[in-house]
Amino acid sequence: MKNAYELAENILKSKPDKNIELKSSDSFASIELYGTSACKKVQDTEFCECFHLENESGTGMITLYHVFPGIDLVYNDMHMEYCNKEQKPASSVMEINYCMEGRCECVFEQNEYGYIVAGDLSFCSLKKTGHVSEFPTSRYHGITITLDFSMITDEMKRILQLLSVNLEKISNISKTHSFTIIRANQSIEHIFLELYKVPEEIRYGYIRVKILELLLVLTGFDLKKNNSEHVYFSDVQIDAIKQVHAFLKGHYRGHYTIEELSVRFKMSPTVLKKCFKGVYGNSVYAYMKKYRLQMAERLLKENKLMIGEIALQIGYQNPNKFTSAFRTEYGMTPTEYRKKKTQESLNG
């Protein structure tokens, strides 16, 4: 048997075989999580691959690192509503997701919807059915780690044992429940936030160190203590709330009370408020206020309409109230914002 130094040397010196996933039709490749949206490889280096994602809902970019045998890490930069609605089961794979920004909606077997937000970590097994992930606010930044236990070599397992990593305990996290959320946790955030700050020239080595740290932390993790209660929504509720969302975006100049919306969409006011905030992260009022100001921001960049006309365009009858709301959101008045963007455009 090789000593620990020889084992470590073999693992650390091994180069990722980017074609290994293609050798068997039954094998799993992390890129499969993104479906046909991953339409173009834009960069291919010694240790990572970058893919451009695109479909009718928007665009995205992912950077995939083959970290150790059977272990991949992916940086996700999504500006789309979804990237894959046909994920296939993968019997030996565990998926871990950390949300840096935005929101991710996950749908599982019982047509239950769960949401992870900034700071959250989720675990799931792809054994029975692949889940579907969507991004309700069309914005999501985060990290995905896949553990394909069938591809983790005996050498790698011995290295992990030497580090006191218990793979069986980690795999049981996803087997206990189809979907598990760990709400924002300081020890977890410490690992992932640093992965966004590391210089490119040492990133691959740093990722390897952080993956080992994460596996060790998860080995000692008390799931019952740290798994805070989270809310699931039914497919009927989600379908209704998405209709509410589409209606509000299509009629953003108008102002609708919760009571008016509950009558229109046949939902109780309590369920409507709870479900809307669960899916989109804000109350109806706060969400639409932000959405209107984002519309104003785009109109200001076009530099065509007067400030008062833009206010009316987005549903503000009083230009002064619009100016006050815009200053609160962007730290400057609409006029100042327009001048800044015009100057930036002139400077090229």
Protein backbone atom coordinates (compact mmCIF):
# COMPACT_ATOMS: atom_id res chain seq x y z
CA MET A 1 0.00 0.00 0.00
CA LYS A 2 1.29 3.46 -0.87
CA ASN A 3 2.06 5.84 1.95
CA ALA A 4 0.07 9.04 2.50
CA TYR A 5 2.57 11.21 0.64
CA GLU A 6 2.47 9.01 -2.45
CA LEU A 7 -1.33 8.93 -2.39
CA ALA A 8 -1.52 12.71 -2.12
CA GLU A 9 1.04 13.18 -4.86
CA ASN A 10 -0.89 10.92 -7.26
CA ILE A 11 -4.14 12.76 -6.63
CA LEU A 12 -2.73 16.29 -6.77
CA LYS A 13 -0.61 15.69 -9.86
CA SER A 14 -3.40 13.99 -11.79
CA LYS A 15 -4.86 16.05 -14.60
CA PRO A 16 -8.65 16.20 -15.03
CA ASP A 17 -9.84 13.93 -17.82
CA LYS A 18 -12.49 16.12 -19.44
CA ASN A 19 -13.68 13.30 -21.68
CA ILE A 20 -14.17 10.69 -19.00
CA GLU A 21 -17.87 11.54 -18.67
CA LEU A 22 -18.38 10.81 -22.35
CA LYS A 23 -17.05 7.25 -22.27
CA SER A 24 -20.31 5.69 -21.09
CA SER A 25 -23.88 6.63 -21.90
CA ASP A 26 -24.76 5.80 -18.28
CA SER A 27 -22.17 8.12 -16.75
CA PHE A 28 -22.91 11.56 -15.31
CA ALA A 29 -21.35 14.84 -16.41
CA SER A 30 -21.84 18.04 -14.41
CA ILE A 31 -22.55 19.97 -17.60
CA GLU A 32 -25.73 17.86 -17.98
CA LEU A 33 -27.29 19.88 -15.15
CA TYR A 34 -27.55 22.80 -17.58
CA GLY A 35 -29.21 20.94 -20.45
CA THR A 36 -29.22 22.32 -23.97
CA SER A 37 -28.85 25.87 -22.61
CA ALA A 38 -25.09 25.25 -22.43
CA CYS A 39 -24.80 25.99 -26.11
CA LYS A 40 -21.23 27.21 -26.52
CA LYS A 41 -17.88 26.53 -24.89
CA VAL A 42 -16.12 29.90 -24.77
CA GLN A 43 -12.96 28.92 -22.90
CA ASP A 44 -11.06 25.69 -22.27
CA THR A 45 -7.97 25.79 -20.05
CA GLU A 46 -5.93 23.10 -18.32
CA PHE A 47 -8.23 22.97 -15.30
CA CYS A 48 -11.57 24.54 -16.26
CA GLU A 49 -14.12 25.05 -19.01
CA CYS A 50 -16.39 28.08 -19.53
CA PHE A 51 -19.77 27.75 -21.22
CA HIS A 52 -22.21 30.36 -22.49
CA LEU A 53 -25.84 29.50 -21.72
CA GLU A 54 -28.77 30.78 -23.72
CA ASN A 55 -32.46 30.05 -24.21
CA GLU A 56 -35.66 32.02 -24.67
CA SER A 57 -35.61 33.13 -21.01
CA GLY A 58 -32.19 34.79 -21.04
CA THR A 59 -28.47 34.08 -20.88
CA GLY A 60 -25.88 32.82 -18.42
CA MET A 61 -22.28 31.81 -17.99
CA ILE A 62 -20.80 28.90 -16.05
CA THR A 63 -17.20 28.01 -15.22
CA LEU A 64 -16.65 24.31 -14.55
CA TYR A 65 -13.66 22.97 -12.60
CA HIS A 66 -12.84 19.25 -12.39
CA VAL A 67 -11.47 19.33 -8.86
CA PHE A 68 -10.85 15.69 -7.86
CA PRO A 69 -11.98 12.35 -9.33
CA GLY A 70 -15.78 12.41 -9.06
CA ILE A 71 -15.90 15.96 -7.65
CA ASP A 72 -16.66 19.05 -9.75
CA LEU A 73 -17.26 22.70 -8.87
CA VAL A 74 -19.19 25.16 -11.03
CA TYR A 75 -19.48 28.96 -10.76
CA ASN A 76 -22.97 30.00 -11.93
CA ASP A 77 -23.79 33.45 -13.32
CA MET A 78 -27.43 33.36 -14.42
CA HIS A 79 -29.56 36.07 -15.98
CA MET A 80 -32.34 33.78 -17.12
CA GLU A 81 -35.54 32.25 -15.77
CA TYR A 82 -34.31 28.65 -16.09
CA CYS A 83 -31.54 26.65 -17.72
CA ASN A 84 -32.78 23.04 -17.77
CA LYS A 85 -36.26 21.54 -17.39
CA GLU A 86 -35.33 17.96 -18.30
CA GLN A 87 -32.67 16.90 -15.80
CA LYS A 88 -32.22 13.10 -15.85
CA PRO A 89 -31.73 10.97 -12.72
CA ALA A 90 -28.15 10.12 -11.74
CA SER A 91 -28.14 7.27 -9.23
CA SER A 92 -24.85 8.00 -7.45
CA VAL A 93 -24.75 11.80 -7.60
CA MET A 94 -25.24 14.36 -4.84
CA GLU A 95 -25.66 18.02 -5.78
CA ILE A 96 -24.70 20.83 -3.39
CA ASN A 97 -25.69 24.43 -4.17
CA TYR A 98 -24.59 27.63 -2.47
CA CYS A 99 -26.53 30.81 -3.31
CA MET A 100 -24.42 33.97 -3.45
CA GLU A 101 -27.07 36.31 -4.91
CA GLY A 102 -30.61 36.03 -6.20
CA ARG A 103 -33.04 33.14 -5.72
CA CYS A 104 -33.24 29.56 -6.93
CA GLU A 105 -36.48 27.60 -7.14
CA CYS A 106 -36.24 23.80 -6.92
CA VAL A 107 -39.10 21.47 -7.86
CA PHE A 108 -39.18 17.89 -6.63
CA GLU A 109 -41.10 14.64 -6.93
CA GLN A 110 -44.21 15.60 -4.98
CA ASN A 111 -44.60 18.83 -6.98
CA GLU A 112 -43.25 20.73 -3.99
CA TYR A 113 -41.36 23.97 -4.49
CA GLY A 114 -38.49 25.06 -2.25
CA TYR A 115 -36.33 28.21 -2.46
CA ILE A 116 -32.75 29.00 -1.58
CA VAL A 117 -31.62 32.60 -1.15
CA ALA A 118 -28.34 34.41 -0.49
CA GLY A 119 -26.23 32.52 2.05
CA ASP A 120 -28.21 29.27 1.84
CA LEU A 121 -26.76 25.86 1.11
CA SER A 122 -28.87 23.04 -0.33
CA PHE A 123 -28.31 19.32 -0.76
CA CYS A 124 -30.14 16.87 -2.95
CA SER A 125 -29.68 13.42 -4.40
CA LEU A 126 -30.32 12.91 -8.10
CA LYS A 127 -31.01 9.20 -7.50
CA LYS A 128 -34.75 8.96 -8.13
CA THR A 129 -35.45 11.90 -10.38
CA GLY A 130 -33.47 14.87 -11.47
CA HIS A 131 -34.91 18.07 -10.06
CA VAL A 132 -35.75 21.22 -11.97
CA SER A 133 -34.23 24.55 -10.96
CA GLU A 134 -35.56 27.96 -11.97
CA PHE A 135 -34.62 31.53 -11.11
CA PRO A 136 -37.79 33.53 -10.38
CA THR A 137 -36.08 36.93 -10.44
CA SER A 138 -33.99 36.04 -13.54
CA ARG A 139 -30.82 36.58 -11.51
CA TYR A 140 -28.75 33.98 -9.70
CA HIS A 141 -25.10 33.80 -8.73
CA GLY A 142 -23.83 30.79 -6.85
CA ILE A 143 -21.67 27.70 -6.71
CA THR A 144 -22.66 24.12 -7.53
CA ILE A 145 -20.64 21.14 -6.34
CA THR A 146 -21.36 17.65 -7.62
CA LEU A 147 -20.17 14.50 -5.88
CA ASP A 148 -20.40 11.42 -8.08
CA PHE A 149 -19.66 8.72 -5.51
CA SER A 150 -19.24 6.07 -8.22
CA MET A 151 -16.35 8.07 -9.76
CA ILE A 152 -14.43 8.81 -6.56
CA THR A 153 -11.38 6.57 -6.83
CA ASP A 154 -10.04 4.31 -4.09
CA GLU A 155 -6.96 6.52 -3.85
CA MET A 156 -9.14 9.59 -3.35
CA LYS A 157 -11.20 7.78 -0.72
CA ARG A 158 -8.03 6.90 1.21
CA ILE A 159 -6.90 10.52 1.12
CA LEU A 160 -10.29 11.62 2.47
CA GLN A 161 -10.13 8.99 5.22
CA LEU A 162 -6.72 10.32 6.26
CA LEU A 163 -8.36 13.76 6.59
CA SER A 164 -11.22 12.29 8.67
CA VAL A 165 -13.77 12.96 5.92
CA ASN A 166 -16.73 10.59 6.17
CA LEU A 167 -18.18 10.21 2.66
CA GLU A 168 -20.97 7.92 3.84
CA LYS A 169 -22.23 10.48 6.32
CA ILE A 170 -22.13 13.20 3.67
CA SER A 171 -24.03 11.08 1.16
CA ASN A 172 -26.70 10.37 3.78
CA ILE A 173 -27.50 14.09 4.00
CA SER A 174 -29.16 13.95 0.58
CA LYS A 175 -30.63 10.49 1.13
CA THR A 176 -32.53 11.53 4.27
CA HIS A 177 -34.66 14.07 2.36
CA SER A 178 -35.00 14.74 -1.36
CA PHE A 179 -34.16 18.38 -0.68
CA THR A 180 -32.43 19.85 2.37
CA ILE A 181 -31.71 23.53 3.01
CA ILE A 182 -29.14 24.88 5.46
CA ARG A 183 -29.97 28.51 6.06
CA ALA A 184 -27.19 31.11 6.10
CA ASN A 185 -24.47 29.71 8.35
CA GLN A 186 -21.20 31.45 9.27
CA SER A 187 -18.92 28.43 8.83
CA ILE A 188 -20.43 27.61 5.44
CA GLU A 189 -20.43 31.22 4.22
CA HIS A 190 -16.77 31.54 5.18
CA ILE A 191 -15.84 28.76 2.74
CA PHE A 192 -17.87 29.95 -0.21
CA LEU A 193 -17.36 33.70 0.04
CA GLU A 194 -13.61 33.22 -0.17
CA LEU A 195 -14.04 31.28 -3.41
CA TYR A 196 -15.21 34.55 -5.00
CA LYS A 197 -12.21 36.53 -3.81
CA VAL A 198 -9.28 34.28 -4.71
CA PRO A 199 -6.94 35.49 -7.51
CA GLU A 200 -7.21 33.60 -10.78
CA GLU A 201 -3.58 32.42 -10.76
CA ILE A 202 -4.10 30.34 -7.60
CA ARG A 203 -7.82 29.59 -7.97
CA TYR A 204 -7.59 25.93 -8.94
CA GLY A 205 -5.37 25.01 -5.99
CA TYR A 206 -7.50 27.14 -3.67
CA ILE A 207 -10.69 25.43 -4.86
CA ARG A 208 -9.16 22.04 -4.04
CA VAL A 209 -8.28 23.19 -0.52
CA LYS A 210 -11.76 24.63 0.03
CA ILE A 211 -13.50 21.48 -1.24
CA LEU A 212 -11.57 19.42 1.31
CA GLU A 213 -12.48 21.96 4.00
CA LEU A 214 -16.16 21.79 3.04
CA LEU A 215 -16.20 17.97 3.12
CA LEU A 216 -14.59 18.02 6.56
CA VAL A 217 -17.10 20.60 7.85
CA LEU A 218 -20.00 18.54 6.47
CA THR A 219 -18.62 15.41 8.16
CA GLY A 220 -18.99 17.12 11.53
CA PHE A 221 -22.22 18.91 10.68
CA ASP A 222 -25.27 18.42 12.91
CA LEU A 223 -28.09 18.48 10.37
CA LYS A 224 -30.88 18.52 12.96
CA LYS A 225 -29.33 21.49 14.75
CA ASN A 226 -28.57 23.54 11.64
CA ASN A 227 -31.45 22.63 9.32
CA SER A 228 -33.89 25.45 10.06
CA GLU A 229 -37.49 25.07 9.04
CA HIS A 230 -38.27 26.13 5.52
CA VAL A 231 -41.50 26.52 3.60
CA TYR A 232 -42.63 24.39 0.70
CA PHE A 233 -45.31 25.54 -1.71
CA SER A 234 -47.59 23.36 -3.82
CA ASP A 235 -47.64 23.45 -7.61
CA VAL A 236 -51.16 24.94 -7.50
CA GLN A 237 -49.99 27.83 -5.32
CA ILE A 238 -46.92 28.45 -7.44
CA ASP A 239 -48.92 28.43 -10.67
CA ALA A 240 -51.33 30.98 -9.21
CA ILE A 241 -48.61 33.26 -7.83
CA LYS A 242 -46.76 33.22 -11.16
CA GLN A 243 -49.99 34.37 -12.81
CA VAL A 244 -50.14 37.21 -10.28
CA HIS A 245 -46.52 38.07 -11.08
CA ALA A 246 -47.13 38.08 -14.84
CA PHE A 247 -50.21 40.25 -14.40
CA LEU A 248 -48.36 42.81 -12.26
CA LYS A 249 -45.45 43.06 -14.70
CA GLY A 250 -47.88 43.44 -17.60
CA HIS A 251 -49.77 46.21 -15.76
CA TYR A 252 -46.88 47.88 -13.92
CA ARG A 253 -48.35 51.37 -14.32
CA GLY A 254 -51.33 50.39 -12.19
CA HIS A 255 -51.43 49.97 -8.42
CA TYR A 256 -53.32 46.97 -7.05
CA THR A 257 -54.09 46.13 -3.44
CA ILE A 258 -53.66 42.65 -2.00
CA GLU A 259 -57.43 42.44 -1.65
CA GLU A 260 -57.97 43.27 -5.34
CA LEU A 261 -55.39 40.69 -6.40
CA SER A 262 -56.79 38.01 -4.10
CA VAL A 263 -60.26 38.45 -5.62
CA ARG A 264 -58.92 38.47 -9.19
CA PHE A 265 -56.82 35.32 -8.69
CA LYS A 266 -59.07 33.55 -6.19
CA MET A 267 -56.46 33.31 -3.42
CA SER A 268 -56.75 34.31 0.19
CA PRO A 269 -54.84 37.51 1.01
CA THR A 270 -52.71 35.65 3.57
CA VAL A 271 -51.66 32.90 1.14
CA LEU A 272 -51.05 35.42 -1.65
CA LYS A 273 -48.74 37.54 0.52
CA LYS A 274 -46.85 34.56 1.94
CA CYS A 275 -46.44 32.81 -1.39
CA PHE A 276 -45.42 35.94 -3.34
CA LYS A 277 -42.73 36.79 -0.80
CA GLY A 278 -41.58 33.16 -0.68
CA VAL A 279 -41.10 33.04 -4.45
CA TYR A 280 -39.89 36.57 -5.26
CA GLY A 281 -38.27 37.59 -1.99
CA ASN A 282 -40.31 40.75 -1.37
CA SER A 283 -43.83 41.87 -0.69
CA VAL A 284 -45.93 42.75 -3.73
CA TYR A 285 -45.56 46.45 -2.95
CA ALA A 286 -41.75 46.35 -2.49
CA TYR A 287 -41.24 44.14 -5.53
CA MET A 288 -43.29 46.34 -7.86
CA LYS A 289 -41.70 49.54 -6.54
CA LYS A 290 -38.26 48.13 -7.37
CA TYR A 291 -39.47 46.85 -10.75
CA ARG A 292 -40.88 50.27 -11.70
CA LEU A 293 -37.62 51.96 -10.77
CA GLN A 294 -35.70 49.46 -12.87
CA MET A 295 -37.98 50.37 -15.78
CA ALA A 296 -37.22 54.05 -15.11
CA GLU A 297 -33.50 53.33 -15.06
CA ARG A 298 -33.71 51.84 -18.56
CA LEU A 299 -35.78 54.78 -19.81
CA LEU A 300 -33.27 57.26 -18.39
CA LYS A 301 -30.45 55.55 -20.27
CA GLU A 302 -32.32 56.05 -23.53
CA ASN A 303 -32.25 59.80 -22.84
CA LYS A 304 -35.46 60.56 -24.74
CA LEU A 305 -38.30 61.29 -22.30
CA MET A 306 -38.52 64.12 -19.78
CA ILE A 307 -38.28 63.14 -16.10
CA GLY A 308 -41.98 63.89 -15.55
CA GLU A 309 -42.91 61.75 -18.56
CA ILE A 310 -40.88 58.84 -17.23
CA ALA A 311 -42.61 59.19 -13.85
CA LEU A 312 -46.01 58.88 -15.54
CA GLN A 313 -44.78 56.05 -17.75
CA ILE A 314 -44.02 53.87 -14.73
CA GLY A 315 -47.08 54.78 -12.69
CA TYR A 316 -45.99 57.78 -10.60
CA GLN A 317 -48.50 60.61 -10.83
CA ASN A 318 -46.25 62.85 -8.73
CA PRO A 319 -42.75 63.46 -10.23
CA ASN A 320 -41.42 64.52 -6.82
CA LYS A 321 -42.37 61.17 -5.29
CA PHE A 322 -40.67 59.44 -8.21
CA THR A 323 -37.49 61.49 -7.71
CA SER A 324 -37.47 60.69 -3.98
CA ALA A 325 -37.98 56.96 -4.57
CA PHE A 326 -35.29 56.88 -7.26
CA ARG A 327 -32.77 58.68 -5.04
CA THR A 328 -33.42 56.19 -2.23
CA GLU A 329 -32.82 53.24 -4.57
CA TYR A 330 -29.87 54.53 -6.62
CA GLY A 331 -28.28 57.17 -4.39
CA MET A 332 -28.88 60.04 -6.87
CA THR A 333 -31.75 61.85 -8.57
CA PRO A 334 -33.00 60.74 -12.00
CA THR A 335 -31.38 63.84 -13.55
CA GLU A 336 -28.04 63.08 -11.93
CA TYR A 337 -28.27 59.46 -13.01
CA ARG A 338 -28.97 60.44 -16.61
CA LYS A 339 -26.02 62.86 -16.68
CA LYS A 340 -23.74 60.17 -15.26
CA LYS A 341 -24.77 57.56 -17.85
CA THR A 342 -24.52 60.08 -20.68
CA GLN A 343 -20.98 61.00 -19.59
CA GLU A 344 -19.99 57.35 -19.30
CA SER A 345 -21.28 56.77 -22.82
CA LEU A 346 -19.28 59.72 -24.18
CA ASN A 347 -16.14 58.47 -22.45
CA GLY A 348 -16.58 55.18 -24.21
